[in-house]
Amino acid sequence: MITPEIELKQIELEDKKFEREEKHEERQWKSCCFQLEPESSMFFAKLSISTMTIALCSYQLITQVDCSYQSLYSSILSVVITFWLNKK
């Protein structure tokens, strides 16, 4: 048998579930054709910039004849790699 207290708790749980769903929908970026999570777009932006940086540094380290800027490109490369390894 369902008591009024149990019924009240069920209603409260449903309200909380509905509020969470509303907050989740508010966090999405909406367009006419798609919905996008802000975290995913930030991740792919960081990933693409990091990939371009790694490619540039690798290219410069491989093709550069004089070694005057070798420490610069090595440092940038290590910073980018450390950034991705320290993610939690």
PDB file of N, CA and C in Angstrom:
ATOM      1  N   MET A   1       0.835  -1.174   0.000  1.00  0.00           N
ATOM      2  CA  MET A   1       0.000   0.000   0.000  1.00  0.00           C
ATOM      3  C   MET A   1       0.888   1.249   0.000  1.00  0.00           C
ATOM      4  N   ILE A   2       0.540   2.205  -0.812  1.00  0.00           N
ATOM      5  CA  ILE A   2       1.319   3.429  -0.928  1.00  0.00           C
ATOM      6  C   ILE A   2       0.781   4.462   0.050  1.00  0.00           C
ATOM      7  N   THR A   3       1.650   4.904   0.909  1.00  0.00           N
ATOM      8  CA  THR A   3       1.264   5.923   1.878  1.00  0.00           C
ATOM      9  C   THR A   3       1.474   7.304   1.270  1.00  0.00           C
ATOM     10  N   PRO A   4       0.887   8.327   1.858  1.00  0.00           N
ATOM     11  CA  PRO A   4       1.067   9.692   1.324  1.00  0.00           C
ATOM     12  C   PRO A   4       2.529  10.143   1.363  1.00  0.00           C
ATOM     13  N   GLU A   5       3.290   9.679   2.353  1.00  0.00           N
ATOM     14  CA  GLU A   5       4.701  10.056   2.437  1.00  0.00           C
ATOM     15  C   GLU A   5       5.506   9.470   1.275  1.00  0.00           C
ATOM     16  N   ILE A   6       5.212   8.218   0.969  1.00  0.00           N
ATOM     17  CA  ILE A   6       5.916   7.564  -0.149  1.00  0.00           C
ATOM     18  C   ILE A   6       5.541   8.237  -1.463  1.00  0.00           C
ATOM     19  N   GLU A   7       4.280   8.556  -1.628  1.00  0.00           N
ATOM     20  CA  GLU A   7       3.837   9.224  -2.845  1.00  0.00           C
ATOM     21  C   GLU A   7       4.485  10.599  -2.978  1.00  0.00           C
ATOM     22  N   LEU A   8       4.621  11.314  -1.877  1.00  0.00           N
ATOM     23  CA  LEU A   8       5.267  12.623  -1.883  1.00  0.00           C
ATOM     24  C   LEU A   8       6.738  12.492  -2.271  1.00  0.00           C
ATOM     25  N   LYS A   9       7.420  11.468  -1.738  1.00  0.00           N
ATOM     26  CA  LYS A   9       8.825  11.232  -2.081  1.00  0.00           C
ATOM     27  C   LYS A   9       8.974  10.912  -3.567  1.00  0.00           C
ATOM     28  N   GLN A  10       8.065  10.132  -4.108  1.00  0.00           N
ATOM     29  CA  GLN A  10       8.124   9.792  -5.531  1.00  0.00           C
ATOM     30  C   GLN A  10       7.947  11.041  -6.390  1.00  0.00           C
ATOM     31  N   ILE A  11       7.056  11.909  -5.993  1.00  0.00           N
ATOM     32  CA  ILE A  11       6.834  13.151  -6.739  1.00  0.00           C
ATOM     33  C   ILE A  11       8.084  14.029  -6.672  1.00  0.00           C
ATOM     34  N   GLU A  12       8.702  14.108  -5.495  1.00  0.00           N
ATOM     35  CA  GLU A  12       9.925  14.904  -5.349  1.00  0.00           C
ATOM     36  C   GLU A  12      11.043  14.351  -6.222  1.00  0.00           C
ATOM     37  N   LEU A  13      11.184  13.021  -6.269  1.00  0.00           N
ATOM     38  CA  LEU A  13      12.212  12.402  -7.103  1.00  0.00           C
ATOM     39  C   LEU A  13      11.964  12.676  -8.580  1.00  0.00           C
ATOM     40  N   GLU A  14      10.724  12.618  -9.005  1.00  0.00           N
ATOM     41  CA  GLU A  14      10.400  12.915 -10.401  1.00  0.00           C
ATOM     42  C   GLU A  14      10.705  14.372 -10.741  1.00  0.00           C
ATOM     43  N   ASP A  15      10.415  15.278  -9.802  1.00  0.00           N
ATOM     44  CA  ASP A  15      10.716  16.699 -10.016  1.00  0.00           C
ATOM     45  C   ASP A  15      12.218  16.926 -10.144  1.00  0.00           C
ATOM     46  N   LYS A  16      13.002  16.271  -9.301  1.00  0.00           N
ATOM     47  CA  LYS A  16      14.452  16.410  -9.370  1.00  0.00           C
ATOM     48  C   LYS A  16      14.988  15.857 -10.682  1.00  0.00           C
ATOM     49  N   LYS A  17      14.448  14.743 -11.114  1.00  0.00           N
ATOM     50  CA  LYS A  17      14.871  14.149 -12.386  1.00  0.00           C
ATOM     51  C   LYS A  17      14.550  15.105 -13.540  1.00  0.00           C
ATOM     52  N   PHE A  18      13.384  15.714 -13.510  1.00  0.00           N
ATOM     53  CA  PHE A  18      12.983  16.655 -14.540  1.00  0.00           C
ATOM     54  C   PHE A  18      13.890  17.884 -14.544  1.00  0.00           C
ATOM     55  N   GLU A  19      14.261  18.388 -13.344  1.00  0.00           N
ATOM     56  CA  GLU A  19      15.153  19.537 -13.252  1.00  0.00           C
ATOM     57  C   GLU A  19      16.527  19.214 -13.821  1.00  0.00           C
ATOM     58  N   ARG A  20      17.040  18.019 -13.559  1.00  0.00           N
ATOM     59  CA  ARG A  20      18.341  17.624 -14.111  1.00  0.00           C
ATOM     60  C   ARG A  20      18.295  17.555 -15.624  1.00  0.00           C
ATOM     61  N   GLU A  21      17.204  17.033 -16.169  1.00  0.00           N
ATOM     62  CA  GLU A  21      17.078  16.962 -17.622  1.00  0.00           C
ATOM     63  C   GLU A  21      17.026  18.361 -18.227  1.00  0.00           C
ATOM     64  N   GLU A  22      16.342  19.294 -17.574  1.00  0.00           N
ATOM     65  CA  GLU A  22      16.281  20.673 -18.069  1.00  0.00           C
ATOM     66  C   GLU A  22      17.658  21.323 -18.054  1.00  0.00           C
ATOM     67  N   LYS A  23      18.412  21.110 -16.970  1.00  0.00           N
ATOM     68  CA  LYS A  23      19.748  21.687 -16.885  1.00  0.00           C
ATOM     69  C   LYS A  23      20.656  21.111 -17.952  1.00  0.00           C
ATOM     70  N   HIS A  24      20.519  19.822 -18.234  1.00  0.00           N
ATOM     71  CA  HIS A  24      21.336  19.193 -19.272  1.00  0.00           C
ATOM     72  C   HIS A  24      21.011  19.796 -20.635  1.00  0.00           C
ATOM     73  N   GLU A  25      19.747  20.046 -20.899  1.00  0.00           N
ATOM     74  CA  GLU A  25      19.365  20.645 -22.176  1.00  0.00           C
ATOM     75  C   GLU A  25      19.855  22.082 -22.286  1.00  0.00           C
ATOM     76  N   GLU A  26      19.926  22.808 -21.162  1.00  0.00           N
ATOM     77  CA  GLU A  26      20.406  24.180 -21.190  1.00  0.00           C
ATOM     78  C   GLU A  26      21.892  24.246 -21.514  1.00  0.00           C
ATOM     79  N   ARG A  27      22.647  23.218 -21.174  1.00  0.00           N
ATOM     80  CA  ARG A  27      24.077  23.213 -21.404  1.00  0.00           C
ATOM     81  C   ARG A  27      24.421  22.915 -22.859  1.00  0.00           C
ATOM     82  N   GLN A  28      23.482  22.505 -23.649  1.00  0.00           N
ATOM     83  CA  GLN A  28      23.757  22.169 -25.044  1.00  0.00           C
ATOM     84  C   GLN A  28      23.664  23.408 -25.913  1.00  0.00           C
ATOM     85  N   TRP A  29      24.550  23.454 -26.924  1.00  0.00           N
ATOM     86  CA  TRP A  29      24.475  24.505 -27.923  1.00  0.00           C
ATOM     87  C   TRP A  29      23.601  23.987 -29.053  1.00  0.00           C
ATOM     88  N   LYS A  30      22.612  24.761 -29.408  1.00  0.00           N
ATOM     89  CA  LYS A  30      21.646  24.298 -30.402  1.00  0.00           C
ATOM     90  C   LYS A  30      21.751  25.130 -31.669  1.00  0.00           C
ATOM     91  N   SER A  31      21.603  24.444 -32.769  1.00  0.00           N
ATOM     92  CA  SER A  31      21.558  25.081 -34.071  1.00  0.00           C
ATOM     93  C   SER A  31      20.318  24.556 -34.782  1.00  0.00           C
ATOM     94  N   CYS A  32      20.115  24.988 -36.000  1.00  0.00           N
ATOM     95  CA  CYS A  32      18.958  24.487 -36.737  1.00  0.00           C
ATOM     96  C   CYS A  32      19.108  23.009 -37.104  1.00  0.00           C
ATOM     97  N   CYS A  33      20.356  22.538 -37.194  1.00  0.00           N
ATOM     98  CA  CYS A  33      20.600  21.184 -37.673  1.00  0.00           C
ATOM     99  C   CYS A  33      21.148  20.219 -36.628  1.00  0.00           C
ATOM    100  N   PHE A  34      21.678  20.713 -35.523  1.00  0.00           N
ATOM    101  CA  PHE A  34      22.313  19.817 -34.562  1.00  0.00           C
ATOM    102  C   PHE A  34      22.335  20.421 -33.167  1.00  0.00           C
ATOM    103  N   GLN A  35      22.644  19.557 -32.202  1.00  0.00           N
ATOM    104  CA  GLN A  35      22.859  19.976 -30.822  1.00  0.00           C
ATOM    105  C   GLN A  35      24.266  19.548 -30.443  1.00  0.00           C
ATOM    106  N   LEU A  36      24.952  20.396 -29.688  1.00  0.00           N
ATOM    107  CA  LEU A  36      26.354  20.132 -29.386  1.00  0.00           C
ATOM    108  C   LEU A  36      26.637  20.447 -27.925  1.00  0.00           C
ATOM    109  N   GLU A  37      27.379  19.560 -27.291  1.00  0.00           N
ATOM    110  CA  GLU A  37      27.802  19.798 -25.921  1.00  0.00           C
ATOM    111  C   GLU A  37      29.004  20.749 -25.933  1.00  0.00           C
ATOM    112  N   PRO A  38      29.050  21.745 -25.058  1.00  0.00           N
ATOM    113  CA  PRO A  38      30.192  22.669 -25.021  1.00  0.00           C
ATOM    114  C   PRO A  38      31.509  21.965 -24.705  1.00  0.00           C
ATOM    115  N   GLU A  39      31.453  20.935 -23.862  1.00  0.00           N
ATOM    116  CA  GLU A  39      32.679  20.223 -23.515  1.00  0.00           C
ATOM    117  C   GLU A  39      33.290  19.513 -24.721  1.00  0.00           C
ATOM    118  N   SER A  40      32.445  18.965 -25.573  1.00  0.00           N
ATOM    119  CA  SER A  40      32.973  18.256 -26.742  1.00  0.00           C
ATOM    120  C   SER A  40      33.619  19.221 -27.730  1.00  0.00           C
ATOM    121  N   SER A  41      33.029  20.393 -27.918  1.00  0.00           N
ATOM    122  CA  SER A  41      33.633  21.351 -28.846  1.00  0.00           C
ATOM    123  C   SER A  41      34.954  21.883 -28.293  1.00  0.00           C
ATOM    124  N   MET A  42      35.031  22.084 -26.972  1.00  0.00           N
ATOM    125  CA  MET A  42      36.298  22.514 -26.371  1.00  0.00           C
ATOM    126  C   MET A  42      37.358  21.424 -26.506  1.00  0.00           C
ATOM    127  N   PHE A  43      36.968  20.172 -26.319  1.00  0.00           N
ATOM    128  CA  PHE A  43      37.910  19.071 -26.455  1.00  0.00           C
ATOM    129  C   PHE A  43      38.470  19.005 -27.868  1.00  0.00           C
ATOM    130  N   PHE A  44      37.601  19.083 -28.872  1.00  0.00           N
ATOM    131  CA  PHE A  44      38.079  18.979 -30.246  1.00  0.00           C
ATOM    132  C   PHE A  44      38.878  20.202 -30.670  1.00  0.00           C
ATOM    133  N   ALA A  45      38.579  21.367 -30.110  1.00  0.00           N
ATOM    134  CA  ALA A  45      39.394  22.552 -30.391  1.00  0.00           C
ATOM    135  C   ALA A  45      40.798  22.378 -29.807  1.00  0.00           C
ATOM    136  N   LYS A  46      40.883  21.912 -28.565  1.00  0.00           N
ATOM    137  CA  LYS A  46      42.189  21.660 -27.940  1.00  0.00           C
ATOM    138  C   LYS A  46      42.954  20.580 -28.686  1.00  0.00           C
ATOM    139  N   LEU A  47      42.243  19.545 -29.103  1.00  0.00           N
ATOM    140  CA  LEU A  47      42.885  18.450 -29.830  1.00  0.00           C
ATOM    141  C   LEU A  47      43.442  18.919 -31.165  1.00  0.00           C
ATOM    142  N   SER A  48      42.682  19.716 -31.900  1.00  0.00           N
ATOM    143  CA  SER A  48      43.164  20.168 -33.213  1.00  0.00           C
ATOM    144  C   SER A  48      44.336  21.133 -33.072  1.00  0.00           C
ATOM    145  N   ILE A  49      44.280  22.040 -32.104  1.00  0.00           N
ATOM    146  CA  ILE A  49      45.403  22.966 -31.900  1.00  0.00           C
ATOM    147  C   ILE A  49      46.649  22.199 -31.460  1.00  0.00           C
ATOM    148  N   SER A  50      46.466  21.229 -30.581  1.00  0.00           N
ATOM    149  CA  SER A  50      47.603  20.423 -30.131  1.00  0.00           C
ATOM    150  C   SER A  50      48.204  19.615 -31.276  1.00  0.00           C
ATOM    151  N   THR A  51      47.359  19.061 -32.122  1.00  0.00           N
ATOM    152  CA  THR A  51      47.840  18.287 -33.268  1.00  0.00           C
ATOM    153  C   THR A  51      48.631  19.165 -34.232  1.00  0.00           C
ATOM    154  N   MET A  52      48.125  20.357 -34.495  1.00  0.00           N
ATOM    155  CA  MET A  52      48.847  21.274 -35.381  1.00  0.00           C
ATOM    156  C   MET A  52      50.181  21.705 -34.770  1.00  0.00           C
ATOM    157  N   THR A  53      50.192  21.934 -33.462  1.00  0.00           N
ATOM    158  CA  THR A  53      51.426  22.331 -32.786  1.00  0.00           C
ATOM    159  C   THR A  53      52.449  21.201 -32.823  1.00  0.00           C
ATOM    160  N   ILE A  54      52.003  19.987 -32.572  1.00  0.00           N
ATOM    161  CA  ILE A  54      52.912  18.835 -32.615  1.00  0.00           C
ATOM    162  C   ILE A  54      53.451  18.638 -34.024  1.00  0.00           C
ATOM    163  N   ALA A  55      52.593  18.796 -35.018  1.00  0.00           N
ATOM    164  CA  ALA A  55      53.043  18.634 -36.403  1.00  0.00           C
ATOM    165  C   ALA A  55      54.070  19.705 -36.773  1.00  0.00           C
ATOM    166  N   LEU A  56      53.826  20.954 -36.399  1.00  0.00           N
ATOM    167  CA  LEU A  56      54.765  22.030 -36.701  1.00  0.00           C
ATOM    168  C   LEU A  56      56.113  21.804 -36.011  1.00  0.00           C
ATOM    169  N   CYS A  57      56.073  21.474 -34.720  1.00  0.00           N
ATOM    170  CA  CYS A  57      57.322  21.264 -33.986  1.00  0.00           C
ATOM    171  C   CYS A  57      58.093  20.067 -34.532  1.00  0.00           C
ATOM    172  N   SER A  58      57.388  19.004 -34.844  1.00  0.00           N
ATOM    173  CA  SER A  58      58.048  17.826 -35.414  1.00  0.00           C
ATOM    174  C   SER A  58      58.678  18.152 -36.760  1.00  0.00           C
ATOM    175  N   TYR A  59      57.954  18.868 -37.599  1.00  0.00           N
ATOM    176  CA  TYR A  59      58.479  19.252 -38.902  1.00  0.00           C
ATOM    177  C   TYR A  59      59.734  20.110 -38.753  1.00  0.00           C
ATOM    178  N   GLN A  60      59.677  21.089 -37.857  1.00  0.00           N
ATOM    179  CA  GLN A  60      60.827  21.974 -37.663  1.00  0.00           C
ATOM    180  C   GLN A  60      62.025  21.214 -37.090  1.00  0.00           C
ATOM    181  N   LEU A  61      61.778  20.278 -36.196  1.00  0.00           N
ATOM    182  CA  LEU A  61      62.886  19.510 -35.624  1.00  0.00           C
ATOM    183  C   LEU A  61      63.528  18.582 -36.660  1.00  0.00           C
ATOM    184  N   ILE A  62      62.734  18.064 -37.575  1.00  0.00           N
ATOM    185  CA  ILE A  62      63.260  17.135 -38.577  1.00  0.00           C
ATOM    186  C   ILE A  62      63.974  17.866 -39.705  1.00  0.00           C
ATOM    187  N   THR A  63      63.404  18.970 -40.171  1.00  0.00           N
ATOM    188  CA  THR A  63      63.929  19.607 -41.382  1.00  0.00           C
ATOM    189  C   THR A  63      64.912  20.749 -41.129  1.00  0.00           C
ATOM    190  N   GLN A  64      65.011  21.239 -39.928  1.00  0.00           N
ATOM    191  CA  GLN A  64      65.882  22.384 -39.677  1.00  0.00           C
ATOM    192  C   GLN A  64      67.348  21.954 -39.684  1.00  0.00           C
ATOM    193  N   VAL A  65      68.147  22.670 -40.487  1.00  0.00           N
ATOM    194  CA  VAL A  65      69.561  22.329 -40.629  1.00  0.00           C
ATOM    195  C   VAL A  65      70.366  22.819 -39.426  1.00  0.00           C
ATOM    196  N   ASP A  66      70.210  24.085 -39.088  1.00  0.00           N
ATOM    197  CA  ASP A  66      70.941  24.582 -37.916  1.00  0.00           C
ATOM    198  C   ASP A  66      70.133  24.285 -36.651  1.00  0.00           C
ATOM    199  N   CYS A  67      70.794  24.083 -35.580  1.00  0.00           N
ATOM    200  CA  CYS A  67      70.139  23.655 -34.336  1.00  0.00           C
ATOM    201  C   CYS A  67      69.878  24.812 -33.377  1.00  0.00           C
ATOM    202  N   SER A  68      69.763  26.016 -33.893  1.00  0.00           N
ATOM    203  CA  SER A  68      69.611  27.172 -33.017  1.00  0.00           C
ATOM    204  C   SER A  68      68.253  27.195 -32.306  1.00  0.00           C
ATOM    205  N   TYR A  69      67.201  26.729 -32.959  1.00  0.00           N
ATOM    206  CA  TYR A  69      65.868  26.752 -32.357  1.00  0.00           C
ATOM    207  C   TYR A  69      65.400  25.370 -31.907  1.00  0.00           C
ATOM    208  N   GLN A  70      66.299  24.425 -31.844  1.00  0.00           N
ATOM    209  CA  GLN A  70      65.922  23.064 -31.486  1.00  0.00           C
ATOM    210  C   GLN A  70      65.354  22.995 -30.063  1.00  0.00           C
ATOM    211  N   SER A  71      65.935  23.739 -29.153  1.00  0.00           N
ATOM    212  CA  SER A  71      65.434  23.711 -27.771  1.00  0.00           C
ATOM    213  C   SER A  71      64.035  24.334 -27.665  1.00  0.00           C
ATOM    214  N   LEU A  72      63.753  25.345 -28.478  1.00  0.00           N
ATOM    215  CA  LEU A  72      62.433  25.969 -28.469  1.00  0.00           C
ATOM    216  C   LEU A  72      61.359  24.979 -28.895  1.00  0.00           C
ATOM    217  N   TYR A  73      61.571  24.312 -30.033  1.00  0.00           N
ATOM    218  CA  TYR A  73      60.578  23.369 -30.537  1.00  0.00           C
ATOM    219  C   TYR A  73      60.461  22.150 -29.636  1.00  0.00           C
ATOM    220  N   SER A  74      61.548  21.718 -29.058  1.00  0.00           N
ATOM    221  CA  SER A  74      61.491  20.592 -28.116  1.00  0.00           C
ATOM    222  C   SER A  74      60.698  20.969 -26.873  1.00  0.00           C
ATOM    223  N   SER A  75      60.880  22.180 -26.395  1.00  0.00           N
ATOM    224  CA  SER A  75      60.143  22.636 -25.214  1.00  0.00           C
ATOM    225  C   SER A  75      58.651  22.741 -25.493  1.00  0.00           C
ATOM    226  N   ILE A  76      58.307  23.313 -26.629  1.00  0.00           N
ATOM    227  CA  ILE A  76      56.881  23.431 -26.985  1.00  0.00           C
ATOM    228  C   ILE A  76      56.258  22.052 -27.125  1.00  0.00           C
ATOM    229  N   LEU A  77      56.987  21.152 -27.749  1.00  0.00           N
ATOM    230  CA  LEU A  77      56.501  19.786 -27.921  1.00  0.00           C
ATOM    231  C   LEU A  77      56.286  19.101 -26.574  1.00  0.00           C
ATOM    232  N   SER A  78      57.219  19.283 -25.657  1.00  0.00           N
ATOM    233  CA  SER A  78      57.069  18.652 -24.348  1.00  0.00           C
ATOM    234  C   SER A  78      55.931  19.279 -23.542  1.00  0.00           C
ATOM    235  N   VAL A  79      55.686  20.571 -23.702  1.00  0.00           N
ATOM    236  CA  VAL A  79      54.573  21.214 -22.998  1.00  0.00           C
ATOM    237  C   VAL A  79      53.239  20.664 -23.487  1.00  0.00           C
ATOM    238  N   VAL A  80      53.104  20.501 -24.785  1.00  0.00           N
ATOM    239  CA  VAL A  80      51.847  19.981 -25.336  1.00  0.00           C
ATOM    240  C   VAL A  80      51.625  18.543 -24.894  1.00  0.00           C
ATOM    241  N   ILE A  81      52.658  17.735 -24.939  1.00  0.00           N
ATOM    242  CA  ILE A  81      52.521  16.340 -24.525  1.00  0.00           C
ATOM    243  C   ILE A  81      52.212  16.253 -23.033  1.00  0.00           C
ATOM    244  N   THR A  82      52.857  17.082 -22.229  1.00  0.00           N
ATOM    245  CA  THR A  82      52.594  17.091 -20.791  1.00  0.00           C
ATOM    246  C   THR A  82      51.168  17.539 -20.500  1.00  0.00           C
ATOM    247  N   PHE A  83      50.670  18.492 -21.274  1.00  0.00           N
ATOM    248  CA  PHE A  83      49.284  18.950 -21.100  1.00  0.00           C
ATOM    249  C   PHE A  83      48.307  17.779 -21.251  1.00  0.00           C
ATOM    250  N   TRP A  84      48.505  16.936 -22.256  1.00  0.00           N
ATOM    251  CA  TRP A  84      47.599  15.827 -22.480  1.00  0.00           C
ATOM    252  C   TRP A  84      47.817  14.682 -21.501  1.00  0.00           C
ATOM    253  N   LEU A  85      49.033  14.496 -21.035  1.00  0.00           N
ATOM    254  CA  LEU A  85      49.282  13.407 -20.085  1.00  0.00           C
ATOM    255  C   LEU A  85      48.791  13.729 -18.684  1.00  0.00           C
ATOM    256  N   ASN A  86      48.701  14.997 -18.328  1.00  0.00           N
ATOM    257  CA  ASN A  86      48.272  15.392 -16.991  1.00  0.00           C
ATOM    258  C   ASN A  86      46.759  15.559 -16.876  1.00  0.00           C
ATOM    259  N   LYS A  87      46.024  15.267 -17.924  1.00  0.00           N
ATOM    260  CA  LYS A  87      44.558  15.381 -17.859  1.00  0.00           C
ATOM    261  C   LYS A  87      44.001  14.338 -16.920  1.00  0.00           C
ATOM    262  N   LYS A  88      43.030  14.757 -16.113  1.00  0.00           N
ATOM    263  CA  LYS A  88      42.395  13.832 -15.165  1.00  0.00           C
ATOM    264  C   LYS A  88      40.960  13.610 -15.527  1.00  0.00           C
TER     265      LYS A  88
END
